[in-house]
Amino acid sequence: MLNVELKQDLLLFESKEQDLMKNLKGETEDLHIITAGNRTLEADDPGHYMTKERIMAWTRLMQHDQQASGLFVTNSRAMLEYLIDIAPEIEKLICFDAIPVFENRVEEMERWQVGLVESLDMLATNPLPSSTDGIFDAPAAEGFNRKVALTLYIVPGETPHDFFVRCVGGDLFCAKDENKKAGIKNTLIGLFETL
């Protein structure tokens, strides 16, 4: 957390320095706003810092997970971009751009969540998933202040163990057979973003 705060302070200082120079030269500030905005977005995503090392730590934890899953979720766009760079065969499945966040239990939402988990399990365990039409029908809900976005990706034909070992380079990690969930044939990756 300290690294993120330090980065933000350095970016703020750099931004103020650029403002001063542009004001002294009489330049417009439009370009500066765009540049500072992009840098701020990077600073807000801690996944930009030691990305490979974070993936390596994630891989190490996965090797010891007794309840191994085919789904791995991150809230870091930098992490997702790192994985896509390593494995361009990743395919985007679907994007839920506005899932409502309910304060209380809502039966329709709970049914959708159960169906989503079943659909994800099917995608992780089937050799070559064909179509996702109709299996992700999200509930329609209007008027909610809090919403989240979830984008799902698949790495077809590669188990999570094999995929993440490839991402960190070399077979540094040996998963115990009892930690490998039987039947998982594909790796699912989710990007979770609050709106």
Protein backbone atom coordinates (compact mmCIF):
# COMPACT_ATOMS: atom_id res chain seq x y z
CA MET A 1 0.00 0.00 0.00
CA LEU A 2 2.91 2.30 0.76
CA ASN A 3 4.25 1.84 -2.78
CA VAL A 4 0.91 2.88 -4.28
CA GLU A 5 0.74 6.02 -2.12
CA LEU A 6 4.36 6.89 -2.98
CA LYS A 7 3.66 6.44 -6.71
CA GLN A 8 0.58 8.66 -6.48
CA ASP A 9 2.57 11.38 -4.67
CA LEU A 10 5.32 11.21 -7.30
CA LEU A 11 2.76 11.44 -10.11
CA LEU A 12 1.09 14.40 -8.42
CA PHE A 13 4.46 16.14 -8.06
CA GLU A 14 5.29 15.43 -11.72
CA SER A 15 1.88 16.72 -12.75
CA LYS A 16 2.38 19.96 -10.83
CA GLU A 17 5.85 20.34 -12.33
CA GLN A 18 4.42 19.93 -15.85
CA ASP A 19 1.66 22.44 -15.05
CA LEU A 20 4.24 24.99 -13.96
CA MET A 21 6.33 24.50 -17.11
CA LYS A 22 3.30 24.76 -19.40
CA ASN A 23 2.06 27.87 -17.63
CA LEU A 24 5.48 29.46 -17.98
CA LYS A 25 5.51 28.61 -21.71
CA GLY A 26 1.86 29.60 -22.20
CA GLU A 27 0.84 26.18 -23.54
CA THR A 28 -2.67 24.74 -23.33
CA GLU A 29 -3.45 22.15 -20.71
CA ASP A 30 -5.52 19.70 -22.78
CA LEU A 31 -2.61 17.38 -23.56
CA HIS A 32 -1.48 17.45 -19.94
CA ILE A 33 -4.90 16.39 -18.66
CA ILE A 34 -4.91 13.33 -20.92
CA THR A 35 -1.36 12.35 -19.97
CA ALA A 36 -1.91 12.83 -16.25
CA GLY A 37 -5.19 10.90 -16.46
CA ASN A 38 -3.51 7.86 -18.00
CA ARG A 39 -0.74 7.90 -15.43
CA THR A 40 -3.24 8.20 -12.59
CA LEU A 41 -5.12 5.16 -13.89
CA GLU A 42 -1.87 3.20 -13.89
CA ALA A 43 -1.07 4.34 -10.36
CA ASP A 44 -4.51 3.23 -9.15
CA ASP A 45 -3.89 -0.32 -10.38
CA PRO A 46 -1.32 -1.97 -8.10
CA GLY A 47 -1.08 -4.81 -10.64
CA HIS A 48 1.34 -2.59 -12.61
CA TYR A 49 3.88 -3.10 -9.84
CA MET A 50 5.83 -6.40 -9.97
CA THR A 51 3.23 -8.03 -12.21
CA LYS A 52 5.21 -11.19 -12.97
CA GLU A 53 6.07 -11.66 -9.30
CA ARG A 54 2.38 -11.32 -8.37
CA ILE A 55 1.42 -13.95 -10.95
CA MET A 56 4.19 -16.18 -9.58
CA ALA A 57 2.80 -15.80 -6.04
CA TRP A 58 -0.71 -16.52 -7.33
CA THR A 59 0.61 -19.65 -9.05
CA ARG A 60 2.33 -20.82 -5.89
CA LEU A 61 -0.88 -20.41 -3.87
CA MET A 62 -2.90 -22.22 -6.54
CA GLN A 63 -0.59 -25.24 -6.31
CA HIS A 64 -1.61 -25.71 -2.66
CA ASP A 65 -5.34 -25.10 -3.09
CA GLN A 66 -7.31 -28.15 -1.98
CA GLN A 67 -10.47 -26.78 -3.66
CA ALA A 68 -8.86 -25.93 -7.00
CA SER A 69 -11.12 -24.13 -9.44
CA GLY A 70 -10.96 -23.43 -13.14
CA LEU A 71 -11.83 -19.75 -12.53
CA PHE A 72 -9.35 -17.08 -11.51
CA VAL A 73 -10.58 -13.53 -10.90
CA THR A 74 -8.61 -10.29 -10.71
CA ASN A 75 -9.55 -6.65 -10.37
CA SER A 76 -6.32 -5.54 -12.06
CA ARG A 77 -6.46 -4.69 -15.76
CA ALA A 78 -2.62 -4.76 -15.76
CA MET A 79 -2.69 -8.41 -14.64
CA LEU A 80 -5.17 -9.31 -17.36
CA GLU A 81 -3.10 -7.52 -20.03
CA TYR A 82 0.02 -9.35 -18.82
CA LEU A 83 -1.75 -12.71 -19.20
CA ILE A 84 -3.09 -11.79 -22.65
CA ASP A 85 0.40 -10.78 -23.80
CA ILE A 86 1.75 -14.18 -22.75
CA ALA A 87 -1.20 -16.16 -24.13
CA PRO A 88 -2.79 -14.40 -27.11
CA GLU A 89 -5.07 -17.44 -27.57
CA ILE A 90 -7.19 -16.18 -24.66
CA GLU A 91 -10.73 -15.65 -25.89
CA LYS A 92 -13.23 -13.19 -24.46
CA LEU A 93 -16.43 -15.02 -23.53
CA ILE A 94 -18.77 -12.33 -22.27
CA CYS A 95 -18.89 -8.97 -20.53
CA PHE A 96 -21.49 -8.10 -17.92
CA ASP A 97 -21.19 -4.33 -17.94
CA ALA A 98 -23.64 -3.52 -15.14
CA ILE A 99 -24.43 -6.23 -12.59
CA PRO A 100 -26.58 -4.67 -9.85
CA VAL A 101 -25.34 -4.93 -6.28
CA PHE A 102 -28.22 -5.75 -3.95
CA GLU A 103 -28.19 -4.86 -0.26
CA ASN A 104 -30.53 -7.74 0.62
CA ARG A 105 -31.09 -11.22 -0.74
CA VAL A 106 -32.98 -11.21 -4.01
CA GLU A 107 -34.28 -14.54 -5.26
CA GLU A 108 -33.84 -13.71 -8.96
CA MET A 109 -30.22 -12.71 -8.39
CA GLU A 110 -29.49 -15.85 -6.38
CA ARG A 111 -30.91 -18.05 -9.16
CA TRP A 112 -28.73 -16.20 -11.69
CA GLN A 113 -25.63 -16.68 -9.50
CA VAL A 114 -26.27 -20.43 -9.20
CA GLY A 115 -26.77 -20.66 -12.97
CA LEU A 116 -23.60 -18.65 -13.58
CA VAL A 117 -21.53 -20.97 -11.36
CA GLU A 118 -22.95 -24.02 -13.15
CA SER A 119 -22.18 -22.45 -16.54
CA LEU A 120 -18.62 -21.61 -15.51
CA ASP A 121 -18.10 -25.14 -14.21
CA MET A 122 -19.35 -26.51 -17.54
CA LEU A 123 -16.98 -24.23 -19.48
CA ALA A 124 -14.01 -25.24 -17.31
CA THR A 125 -14.64 -28.97 -17.64
CA ASN A 126 -15.78 -29.41 -21.26
CA PRO A 127 -12.98 -30.08 -23.77
CA LEU A 128 -13.96 -27.52 -26.37
CA PRO A 129 -16.81 -25.26 -25.31
CA SER A 130 -18.92 -24.38 -28.29
CA SER A 131 -21.45 -21.63 -27.77
CA THR A 132 -22.23 -19.52 -24.71
CA ASP A 133 -25.54 -18.30 -26.11
CA GLY A 134 -28.17 -18.15 -23.41
CA ILE A 135 -26.12 -19.58 -20.55
CA PHE A 136 -25.26 -16.19 -19.07
CA ASP A 137 -28.63 -14.43 -19.09
CA ALA A 138 -28.04 -11.75 -16.45
CA PRO A 139 -31.00 -10.40 -14.48
CA ALA A 140 -32.29 -7.07 -15.70
CA ALA A 141 -32.46 -4.57 -12.86
CA GLU A 142 -32.81 -0.82 -13.06
CA GLY A 143 -32.28 1.99 -10.60
CA PHE A 144 -29.38 0.62 -8.57
CA ASN A 145 -26.65 3.03 -7.50
CA ARG A 146 -23.99 0.35 -7.12
CA LYS A 147 -23.06 -1.87 -10.04
CA VAL A 148 -20.09 -3.99 -10.99
CA ALA A 149 -18.71 -5.23 -14.29
CA LEU A 150 -17.41 -8.73 -14.91
CA THR A 151 -15.62 -9.75 -18.09
CA LEU A 152 -14.89 -13.44 -18.58
CA TYR A 153 -12.12 -14.96 -20.69
CA ILE A 154 -11.17 -18.56 -21.49
CA VAL A 155 -7.89 -20.28 -22.30
CA PRO A 156 -9.18 -23.32 -24.19
CA GLY A 157 -7.47 -26.67 -23.82
CA GLU A 158 -5.09 -25.64 -21.02
CA THR A 159 -5.51 -26.47 -17.34
CA PRO A 160 -4.95 -23.70 -14.77
CA HIS A 161 -1.76 -25.44 -13.60
CA ASP A 162 -0.28 -25.57 -17.09
CA PHE A 163 -1.43 -22.06 -17.99
CA PHE A 164 -0.05 -20.30 -14.93
CA VAL A 165 3.21 -22.27 -14.96
CA ARG A 166 3.63 -21.12 -18.57
CA CYS A 167 2.90 -17.52 -17.52
CA VAL A 168 5.69 -17.49 -14.94
CA GLY A 169 8.12 -19.37 -17.18
CA GLY A 170 9.34 -22.87 -16.50
CA ASP A 171 7.96 -25.66 -14.37
CA LEU A 172 8.96 -24.13 -11.04
CA PHE A 173 5.82 -25.40 -9.41
CA CYS A 174 4.72 -29.00 -9.18
CA ALA A 175 1.11 -29.39 -8.17
CA LYS A 176 0.31 -32.44 -6.11
CA ASP A 177 -2.12 -34.76 -7.87
CA GLU A 178 -4.66 -34.44 -5.05
CA ASN A 179 -4.69 -30.65 -5.58
CA LYS A 180 -5.60 -30.90 -9.25
CA LYS A 181 -9.36 -30.85 -9.60
CA ALA A 182 -10.41 -33.72 -11.81
CA GLY A 183 -12.00 -32.78 -15.08
CA ILE A 184 -10.79 -29.21 -15.51
CA LYS A 185 -9.70 -28.79 -19.11
CA ASN A 186 -9.85 -25.01 -19.64
CA THR A 187 -8.75 -21.99 -17.64
CA LEU A 188 -11.29 -19.22 -17.01
CA ILE A 189 -10.14 -15.71 -16.10
CA GLY A 190 -12.42 -12.97 -14.86
CA LEU A 191 -11.82 -9.23 -14.67
CA PHE A 192 -13.96 -7.68 -11.92
CA GLU A 193 -14.40 -3.90 -11.92
CA THR A 194 -16.48 -1.66 -9.68
CA LEU A 195 -18.42 1.03 -11.48
